[in-house]
Amino acid sequence: MEFDMSRYLTFLTVLCTGFAVMPAHAQDDPQGFTFGLAGGTSNSLYVGDEDGTYVFPLLSYQGRGFSVGFDGLAVDIVNRDGVHVEGLLSPRFTSLHDPDAAALQGLDRDITVDAGVRLSYDISQQSTVTAQLLQEVSGEHDGQELSVNIGHQLMMGPLPLGLEAGLIWQSEDLAGYLYGVRPSEVTGTRPAYAPDAAVISFVGMSTAIPISDRAAIFGSVQVQFLDDTISDSPIVAEDTLYSANIGIQFTF
């Protein structure tokens, strides 16, 4: 199975929302690089696209008031009294970018760029509510995405756990780009499809076990539940998506 950046970014979302995976050293001195390696498994959203396992690298940099990585750039706007507001610039990858599956031939969606804002509020020492609004700015579809989730950290014996649950709303333009079939893409087995705005609900869990001041082993799982607007598409094969990942990371 080829490396799929869209699945990789889903993994990063689970990990970062559910649990802070940095060792204590990195939390005390947040500036610096993080790198590592992770492997995982997931099922595929699209018809004819293979389920499978994959391995991917981790690399990011946390500076003073900003962070940058494969998932994009985040810049602090406000960060005080439990309120964190960030400006975002992030790529959006899709398995429809030059797909290999025979059932998806004739479809091709470019990688796009989103800009937006993320607001996080600590409702307690263990729980954080996060809302994020993204607008596509690369001129492909002009769609929007709004997500809201809550993350909670707890200890299960010696094991730290991060739990998350949330909703993602995708505008009609974005849903059409990801799940629609344009008239020019119609075949004898693939009718045209123009979806309405879509909603995805999700739950996830993650953990991180420090093995030194600068290293941790981590893992995450997530399940996404797709509404009928998505699952009714002739190019969509699933109504539930799952992913599970494990890896190691180092900070310096």
C-alpha atoms as a PDB file:
ATOM      1  CA  MET A   1       0.000   0.000   0.000  1.00  0.00           C
ATOM      2  CA  GLU A   2       1.373   3.431  -0.920  1.00  0.00           C
ATOM      3  CA  PHE A   3       1.946   6.058   1.744  1.00  0.00           C
ATOM      4  CA  ASP A   4      -1.213   8.167   2.072  1.00  0.00           C
ATOM      5  CA  MET A   5      -0.715  11.652   3.512  1.00  0.00           C
ATOM      6  CA  SER A   6      -4.448  12.067   4.171  1.00  0.00           C
ATOM      7  CA  ARG A   7      -4.348   9.117   6.590  1.00  0.00           C
ATOM      8  CA  TYR A   8      -1.121  10.439   8.106  1.00  0.00           C
ATOM      9  CA  LEU A   9      -2.740  13.800   8.896  1.00  0.00           C
ATOM     10  CA  THR A  10      -5.717  12.033  10.459  1.00  0.00           C
ATOM     11  CA  PHE A  11      -3.254  10.207  12.703  1.00  0.00           C
ATOM     12  CA  LEU A  12      -1.619  13.504  13.737  1.00  0.00           C
ATOM     13  CA  THR A  13      -5.004  14.954  14.642  1.00  0.00           C
ATOM     14  CA  VAL A  14      -5.820  12.043  16.947  1.00  0.00           C
ATOM     15  CA  LEU A  15      -2.453  12.172  18.625  1.00  0.00           C
ATOM     16  CA  CYS A  16      -2.310  15.922  19.180  1.00  0.00           C
ATOM     17  CA  THR A  17      -5.936  16.315  20.273  1.00  0.00           C
ATOM     18  CA  GLY A  18      -6.185  13.353  22.582  1.00  0.00           C
ATOM     19  CA  PHE A  19      -2.860  13.508  24.386  1.00  0.00           C
ATOM     20  CA  ALA A  20       0.301  15.573  24.572  1.00  0.00           C
ATOM     21  CA  VAL A  21       2.912  13.028  23.548  1.00  0.00           C
ATOM     22  CA  MET A  22       5.962  15.077  24.435  1.00  0.00           C
ATOM     23  CA  PRO A  23       8.103  13.906  27.323  1.00  0.00           C
ATOM     24  CA  ALA A  24       8.285  16.135  30.394  1.00  0.00           C
ATOM     25  CA  HIS A  25      11.547  17.700  29.193  1.00  0.00           C
ATOM     26  CA  ALA A  26       9.902  18.942  26.000  1.00  0.00           C
ATOM     27  CA  GLN A  27       6.928  20.347  27.879  1.00  0.00           C
ATOM     28  CA  ASP A  28       9.223  22.353  30.164  1.00  0.00           C
ATOM     29  CA  ASP A  29      11.243  23.661  27.198  1.00  0.00           C
ATOM     30  CA  PRO A  30       8.840  23.471  24.237  1.00  0.00           C
ATOM     31  CA  GLN A  31      11.179  24.875  21.587  1.00  0.00           C
ATOM     32  CA  GLY A  32      12.997  22.420  19.350  1.00  0.00           C
ATOM     33  CA  PHE A  33      12.637  19.590  16.866  1.00  0.00           C
ATOM     34  CA  THR A  34      10.597  16.417  17.172  1.00  0.00           C
ATOM     35  CA  PHE A  35      11.288  13.465  14.906  1.00  0.00           C
ATOM     36  CA  GLY A  36      10.384   9.807  14.836  1.00  0.00           C
ATOM     37  CA  LEU A  37       8.803   6.934  12.986  1.00  0.00           C
ATOM     38  CA  ALA A  38       5.319   5.444  13.173  1.00  0.00           C
ATOM     39  CA  GLY A  39       3.403   2.593  11.590  1.00  0.00           C
ATOM     40  CA  GLY A  40      -0.295   2.022  11.313  1.00  0.00           C
ATOM     41  CA  THR A  41      -3.274   0.437   9.664  1.00  0.00           C
ATOM     42  CA  SER A  42      -6.564   1.810   8.356  1.00  0.00           C
ATOM     43  CA  ASN A  43      -9.390   1.028   5.992  1.00  0.00           C
ATOM     44  CA  SER A  44      -9.890   3.058   2.841  1.00  0.00           C
ATOM     45  CA  LEU A  45     -12.696   5.505   2.182  1.00  0.00           C
ATOM     46  CA  TYR A  46     -12.826   5.022  -1.571  1.00  0.00           C
ATOM     47  CA  VAL A  47     -14.067   2.233  -3.837  1.00  0.00           C
ATOM     48  CA  GLY A  48     -11.230   0.041  -5.081  1.00  0.00           C
ATOM     49  CA  ASP A  49      -8.599   1.667  -2.856  1.00  0.00           C
ATOM     50  CA  GLU A  50      -6.753  -0.878  -0.726  1.00  0.00           C
ATOM     51  CA  ASP A  51      -6.933  -1.180   3.031  1.00  0.00           C
ATOM     52  CA  GLY A  52      -3.580  -1.903   4.552  1.00  0.00           C
ATOM     53  CA  THR A  53      -0.626  -0.935   6.693  1.00  0.00           C
ATOM     54  CA  TYR A  54       1.911   1.838   6.255  1.00  0.00           C
ATOM     55  CA  VAL A  55       5.001   3.411   7.805  1.00  0.00           C
ATOM     56  CA  PHE A  56       5.617   7.152   7.898  1.00  0.00           C
ATOM     57  CA  PRO A  57       8.119   9.645   9.325  1.00  0.00           C
ATOM     58  CA  LEU A  58       7.451  12.280  11.969  1.00  0.00           C
ATOM     59  CA  LEU A  59       9.161  15.659  11.815  1.00  0.00           C
ATOM     60  CA  SER A  60       8.127  18.986  13.307  1.00  0.00           C
ATOM     61  CA  TYR A  61       9.619  22.097  14.853  1.00  0.00           C
ATOM     62  CA  GLN A  62       8.227  24.060  17.783  1.00  0.00           C
ATOM     63  CA  GLY A  63       9.517  27.632  17.841  1.00  0.00           C
ATOM     64  CA  ARG A  64       8.696  30.589  20.042  1.00  0.00           C
ATOM     65  CA  GLY A  65       5.046  31.194  19.262  1.00  0.00           C
ATOM     66  CA  PHE A  66       4.781  28.926  16.224  1.00  0.00           C
ATOM     67  CA  SER A  67       5.064  25.313  15.078  1.00  0.00           C
ATOM     68  CA  VAL A  68       5.617  23.767  11.660  1.00  0.00           C
ATOM     69  CA  GLY A  69       5.439  20.193  10.390  1.00  0.00           C
ATOM     70  CA  PHE A  70       3.989  17.947   7.703  1.00  0.00           C
ATOM     71  CA  ASP A  71       0.530  19.059   8.855  1.00  0.00           C
ATOM     72  CA  GLY A  72       1.284  22.740   8.189  1.00  0.00           C
ATOM     73  CA  LEU A  73       2.054  25.931  10.085  1.00  0.00           C
ATOM     74  CA  ALA A  74       0.442  27.186  13.301  1.00  0.00           C
ATOM     75  CA  VAL A  75       1.170  30.655  14.722  1.00  0.00           C
ATOM     76  CA  ASP A  76       0.118  31.777  18.195  1.00  0.00           C
ATOM     77  CA  ILE A  77      -2.248  34.746  18.348  1.00  0.00           C
ATOM     78  CA  VAL A  78      -3.292  34.439  22.004  1.00  0.00           C
ATOM     79  CA  ASN A  79      -1.932  32.002  24.587  1.00  0.00           C
ATOM     80  CA  ARG A  80      -2.825  32.850  28.178  1.00  0.00           C
ATOM     81  CA  ASP A  81      -5.200  31.942  31.014  1.00  0.00           C
ATOM     82  CA  GLY A  82      -6.171  28.619  29.448  1.00  0.00           C
ATOM     83  CA  VAL A  83      -7.082  30.205  26.099  1.00  0.00           C
ATOM     84  CA  HIS A  84      -5.007  29.405  23.007  1.00  0.00           C
ATOM     85  CA  VAL A  85      -5.796  30.984  19.628  1.00  0.00           C
ATOM     86  CA  GLU A  86      -3.708  30.059  16.579  1.00  0.00           C
ATOM     87  CA  GLY A  87      -3.617  31.047  12.941  1.00  0.00           C
ATOM     88  CA  LEU A  88      -3.293  28.029  10.640  1.00  0.00           C
ATOM     89  CA  LEU A  89      -2.012  27.224   7.168  1.00  0.00           C
ATOM     90  CA  SER A  90      -2.273  23.548   6.270  1.00  0.00           C
ATOM     91  CA  PRO A  91      -2.278  21.222   3.248  1.00  0.00           C
ATOM     92  CA  ARG A  92      -5.222  18.938   2.518  1.00  0.00           C
ATOM     93  CA  PHE A  93      -4.298  15.622   0.939  1.00  0.00           C
ATOM     94  CA  THR A  94      -6.711  13.131  -0.604  1.00  0.00           C
ATOM     95  CA  SER A  95      -6.470   9.579  -1.922  1.00  0.00           C
ATOM     96  CA  LEU A  96      -8.070  10.912  -5.125  1.00  0.00           C
ATOM     97  CA  HIS A  97      -4.795  12.613  -6.052  1.00  0.00           C
ATOM     98  CA  ASP A  98      -3.608  10.462  -8.979  1.00  0.00           C
ATOM     99  CA  PRO A  99      -5.409   7.311  -7.717  1.00  0.00           C
ATOM    100  CA  ASP A 100      -4.216   3.826  -8.699  1.00  0.00           C
ATOM    101  CA  ALA A 101      -7.526   1.975  -8.246  1.00  0.00           C
ATOM    102  CA  ALA A 102      -9.250   1.038 -11.507  1.00  0.00           C
ATOM    103  CA  ALA A 103     -12.620   2.129 -10.088  1.00  0.00           C
ATOM    104  CA  LEU A 104     -11.243   5.647  -9.521  1.00  0.00           C
ATOM    105  CA  GLN A 105      -9.655   6.187 -12.924  1.00  0.00           C
ATOM    106  CA  GLY A 106     -10.732   9.491 -14.449  1.00  0.00           C
ATOM    107  CA  LEU A 107     -10.846  11.160 -11.036  1.00  0.00           C
ATOM    108  CA  ASP A 108      -8.016  13.422  -9.922  1.00  0.00           C
ATOM    109  CA  ARG A 109      -8.109  15.920  -7.082  1.00  0.00           C
ATOM    110  CA  ASP A 110      -5.175  18.209  -6.426  1.00  0.00           C
ATOM    111  CA  ILE A 111      -3.589  18.804  -3.051  1.00  0.00           C
ATOM    112  CA  THR A 112      -5.153  21.992  -1.677  1.00  0.00           C
ATOM    113  CA  VAL A 113      -4.229  24.537   0.997  1.00  0.00           C
ATOM    114  CA  ASP A 114      -6.439  25.703   3.858  1.00  0.00           C
ATOM    115  CA  ALA A 115      -6.067  28.787   6.043  1.00  0.00           C
ATOM    116  CA  GLY A 116      -7.921  29.247   9.286  1.00  0.00           C
ATOM    117  CA  VAL A 117      -8.008  29.686  13.011  1.00  0.00           C
ATOM    118  CA  ARG A 118      -8.027  27.293  15.957  1.00  0.00           C
ATOM    119  CA  LEU A 119      -9.353  28.120  19.431  1.00  0.00           C
ATOM    120  CA  SER A 120      -8.578  25.868  22.403  1.00  0.00           C
ATOM    121  CA  TYR A 121      -9.932  26.409  25.908  1.00  0.00           C
ATOM    122  CA  ASP A 122      -8.864  24.472  28.997  1.00  0.00           C
ATOM    123  CA  ILE A 123     -12.071  23.735  30.887  1.00  0.00           C
ATOM    124  CA  SER A 124     -10.014  21.925  33.551  1.00  0.00           C
ATOM    125  CA  GLN A 125      -6.458  20.688  34.042  1.00  0.00           C
ATOM    126  CA  GLN A 126      -7.439  17.462  32.255  1.00  0.00           C
ATOM    127  CA  SER A 127      -9.941  18.626  29.611  1.00  0.00           C
ATOM    128  CA  THR A 128      -9.725  20.930  26.602  1.00  0.00           C
ATOM    129  CA  VAL A 129     -12.363  22.028  24.093  1.00  0.00           C
ATOM    130  CA  THR A 130     -11.077  22.903  20.626  1.00  0.00           C
ATOM    131  CA  ALA A 131     -12.831  24.545  17.674  1.00  0.00           C
ATOM    132  CA  GLN A 132     -11.198  24.968  14.270  1.00  0.00           C
ATOM    133  CA  LEU A 133     -12.396  26.746  11.125  1.00  0.00           C
ATOM    134  CA  LEU A 134     -10.628  26.285   7.780  1.00  0.00           C
ATOM    135  CA  GLN A 135     -11.136  28.009   4.422  1.00  0.00           C
ATOM    136  CA  GLU A 136      -9.630  26.637   1.203  1.00  0.00           C
ATOM    137  CA  VAL A 137      -7.340  29.305  -0.287  1.00  0.00           C
ATOM    138  CA  SER A 138      -5.639  27.573  -3.231  1.00  0.00           C
ATOM    139  CA  GLY A 139      -8.494  28.198  -5.666  1.00  0.00           C
ATOM    140  CA  GLU A 140      -9.702  24.617  -6.181  1.00  0.00           C
ATOM    141  CA  HIS A 141     -13.133  24.531  -4.527  1.00  0.00           C
ATOM    142  CA  ASP A 142     -13.537  27.451  -2.031  1.00  0.00           C
ATOM    143  CA  GLY A 143     -14.922  25.091   0.625  1.00  0.00           C
ATOM    144  CA  GLN A 144     -14.924  25.356   4.406  1.00  0.00           C
ATOM    145  CA  GLU A 145     -14.533  22.946   7.301  1.00  0.00           C
ATOM    146  CA  LEU A 146     -15.535  23.456  10.938  1.00  0.00           C
ATOM    147  CA  SER A 147     -14.529  20.985  13.630  1.00  0.00           C
ATOM    148  CA  VAL A 148     -15.302  20.914  17.347  1.00  0.00           C
ATOM    149  CA  ASN A 149     -13.899  18.362  19.773  1.00  0.00           C
ATOM    150  CA  ILE A 150     -13.165  17.743  23.411  1.00  0.00           C
ATOM    151  CA  GLY A 151     -10.040  16.011  24.677  1.00  0.00           C
ATOM    152  CA  HIS A 152      -9.619  14.560  28.167  1.00  0.00           C
ATOM    153  CA  GLN A 153      -6.475  13.201  29.812  1.00  0.00           C
ATOM    154  CA  LEU A 154      -6.512  10.604  32.576  1.00  0.00           C
ATOM    155  CA  MET A 155      -4.407   7.875  34.143  1.00  0.00           C
ATOM    156  CA  MET A 156      -5.374   4.211  33.953  1.00  0.00           C
ATOM    157  CA  GLY A 157      -3.026   2.806  36.560  1.00  0.00           C
ATOM    158  CA  PRO A 158       0.467   3.693  35.307  1.00  0.00           C
ATOM    159  CA  LEU A 159      -0.760   4.268  31.741  1.00  0.00           C
ATOM    160  CA  PRO A 160      -1.607   7.831  30.610  1.00  0.00           C
ATOM    161  CA  LEU A 161      -4.573   8.011  28.240  1.00  0.00           C
ATOM    162  CA  GLY A 162      -5.976  10.768  26.072  1.00  0.00           C
ATOM    163  CA  LEU A 163      -9.612  10.512  24.979  1.00  0.00           C
ATOM    164  CA  GLU A 164     -11.321  12.615  22.337  1.00  0.00           C
ATOM    165  CA  ALA A 165     -14.705  12.982  20.674  1.00  0.00           C
ATOM    166  CA  GLY A 166     -15.968  15.501  18.174  1.00  0.00           C
ATOM    167  CA  LEU A 167     -17.756  16.545  15.008  1.00  0.00           C
ATOM    168  CA  ILE A 168     -16.520  17.785  11.639  1.00  0.00           C
ATOM    169  CA  TRP A 169     -18.782  19.810   9.321  1.00  0.00           C
ATOM    170  CA  GLN A 170     -17.727  20.110   5.678  1.00  0.00           C
ATOM    171  CA  SER A 171     -19.358  22.604   3.336  1.00  0.00           C
ATOM    172  CA  GLU A 172     -21.079  21.568   0.120  1.00  0.00           C
ATOM    173  CA  ASP A 173     -18.112  22.774  -1.939  1.00  0.00           C
ATOM    174  CA  LEU A 174     -15.598  20.762   0.099  1.00  0.00           C
ATOM    175  CA  ALA A 175     -17.833  17.671   0.179  1.00  0.00           C
ATOM    176  CA  GLY A 176     -18.225  17.875  -3.592  1.00  0.00           C
ATOM    177  CA  TYR A 177     -14.461  17.999  -4.026  1.00  0.00           C
ATOM    178  CA  LEU A 178     -13.838  15.006  -1.768  1.00  0.00           C
ATOM    179  CA  TYR A 179     -16.859  12.774  -2.471  1.00  0.00           C
ATOM    180  CA  GLY A 180     -18.572  14.108  -5.589  1.00  0.00           C
ATOM    181  CA  VAL A 181     -18.534  12.907  -9.197  1.00  0.00           C
ATOM    182  CA  ARG A 182     -18.496  15.649 -11.822  1.00  0.00           C
ATOM    183  CA  PRO A 183     -20.392  15.244 -15.123  1.00  0.00           C
ATOM    184  CA  SER A 184     -17.057  14.905 -16.941  1.00  0.00           C
ATOM    185  CA  GLU A 185     -16.143  11.985 -14.634  1.00  0.00           C
ATOM    186  CA  VAL A 186     -19.274   9.904 -15.256  1.00  0.00           C
ATOM    187  CA  THR A 187     -18.801   6.365 -16.578  1.00  0.00           C
ATOM    188  CA  GLY A 188     -21.126   3.440 -17.205  1.00  0.00           C
ATOM    189  CA  THR A 189     -20.677   2.332 -13.585  1.00  0.00           C
ATOM    190  CA  ARG A 190     -20.120   5.742 -11.968  1.00  0.00           C
ATOM    191  CA  PRO A 191     -23.041   8.200 -12.017  1.00  0.00           C
ATOM    192  CA  ALA A 192     -22.750  11.905 -11.326  1.00  0.00           C
ATOM    193  CA  TYR A 193     -23.039  12.821  -7.658  1.00  0.00           C
ATOM    194  CA  ALA A 194     -23.276  16.243  -6.005  1.00  0.00           C
ATOM    195  CA  PRO A 195     -23.306  15.866  -2.207  1.00  0.00           C
ATOM    196  CA  ASP A 196     -24.764  18.299   0.280  1.00  0.00           C
ATOM    197  CA  ALA A 197     -22.745  19.568   3.235  1.00  0.00           C
ATOM    198  CA  ALA A 198     -21.444  16.629   5.265  1.00  0.00           C
ATOM    199  CA  VAL A 199     -20.955  15.799   8.945  1.00  0.00           C
ATOM    200  CA  ILE A 200     -18.417  13.343  10.380  1.00  0.00           C
ATOM    201  CA  SER A 201     -18.439  12.303  14.033  1.00  0.00           C
ATOM    202  CA  PHE A 202     -15.404  10.674  15.610  1.00  0.00           C
ATOM    203  CA  VAL A 203     -13.949   9.208  18.784  1.00  0.00           C
ATOM    204  CA  GLY A 204     -10.335   8.426  19.527  1.00  0.00           C
ATOM    205  CA  MET A 205      -7.825   7.397  22.146  1.00  0.00           C
ATOM    206  CA  SER A 206      -4.061   7.897  22.427  1.00  0.00           C
ATOM    207  CA  THR A 207      -1.239   7.257  24.856  1.00  0.00           C
ATOM    208  CA  ALA A 208       2.443   8.056  25.259  1.00  0.00           C
ATOM    209  CA  ILE A 209       4.974   6.349  27.507  1.00  0.00           C
ATOM    210  CA  PRO A 210       8.251   8.230  28.089  1.00  0.00           C
ATOM    211  CA  ILE A 211      11.330   6.019  27.797  1.00  0.00           C
ATOM    212  CA  SER A 212      13.801   8.850  28.496  1.00  0.00           C
ATOM    213  CA  ASP A 213      13.829  12.626  28.950  1.00  0.00           C
ATOM    214  CA  ARG A 214      13.746  13.040  25.176  1.00  0.00           C
ATOM    215  CA  ALA A 215      11.939   9.980  23.832  1.00  0.00           C
ATOM    216  CA  ALA A 216       8.497   8.404  24.056  1.00  0.00           C
ATOM    217  CA  ILE A 217       6.612   5.454  22.619  1.00  0.00           C
ATOM    218  CA  PHE A 218       3.087   6.398  21.574  1.00  0.00           C
ATOM    219  CA  GLY A 219      -0.033   4.931  20.042  1.00  0.00           C
ATOM    220  CA  SER A 220      -3.465   6.043  18.901  1.00  0.00           C
ATOM    221  CA  VAL A 221      -6.748   4.713  17.560  1.00  0.00           C
ATOM    222  CA  GLN A 222      -9.635   6.585  15.957  1.00  0.00           C
ATOM    223  CA  VAL A 223     -13.048   5.724  14.509  1.00  0.00           C
ATOM    224  CA  GLN A 224     -14.937   8.107  12.197  1.00  0.00           C
ATOM    225  CA  PHE A 225     -18.653   7.781  11.436  1.00  0.00           C
ATOM    226  CA  LEU A 226     -19.667   9.210   8.052  1.00  0.00           C
ATOM    227  CA  ASP A 227     -23.140  10.558   7.370  1.00  0.00           C
ATOM    228  CA  ASP A 228     -25.277   9.431   4.420  1.00  0.00           C
ATOM    229  CA  THR A 229     -24.178  12.378   2.282  1.00  0.00           C
ATOM    230  CA  ILE A 230     -20.717  10.814   2.164  1.00  0.00           C
ATOM    231  CA  SER A 231     -21.530   7.100   2.198  1.00  0.00           C
ATOM    232  CA  ASP A 232     -24.130   7.450  -0.598  1.00  0.00           C
ATOM    233  CA  SER A 233     -21.442   8.612  -3.033  1.00  0.00           C
ATOM    234  CA  PRO A 234     -20.705   6.085  -5.813  1.00  0.00           C
ATOM    235  CA  ILE A 235     -16.962   6.467  -5.150  1.00  0.00           C
ATOM    236  CA  VAL A 236     -17.204   5.869  -1.381  1.00  0.00           C
ATOM    237  CA  ALA A 237     -16.951   2.307  -0.073  1.00  0.00           C
ATOM    238  CA  GLU A 238     -17.388   2.775   3.686  1.00  0.00           C
ATOM    239  CA  ASP A 239     -19.606   4.472   6.241  1.00  0.00           C
ATOM    240  CA  THR A 240     -17.111   3.966   9.091  1.00  0.00           C
ATOM    241  CA  LEU A 241     -13.370   4.581   8.999  1.00  0.00           C
ATOM    242  CA  TYR A 242     -10.849   3.264  11.500  1.00  0.00           C
ATOM    243  CA  SER A 243      -7.155   3.815  12.050  1.00  0.00           C
ATOM    244  CA  ALA A 244      -4.584   2.564  14.565  1.00  0.00           C
ATOM    245  CA  ASN A 245      -0.973   3.697  14.893  1.00  0.00           C
ATOM    246  CA  ILE A 246       2.107   3.112  17.047  1.00  0.00           C
ATOM    247  CA  GLY A 247       5.544   4.691  16.959  1.00  0.00           C
ATOM    248  CA  ILE A 248       8.469   6.340  18.680  1.00  0.00           C
ATOM    249  CA  GLN A 249       9.487   9.985  18.782  1.00  0.00           C
ATOM    250  CA  PHE A 250      12.474  11.989  19.994  1.00  0.00           C
ATOM    251  CA  THR A 251      12.780  15.663  20.928  1.00  0.00           C
ATOM    252  CA  PHE A 252      15.853  17.857  20.943  1.00  0.00           C
END
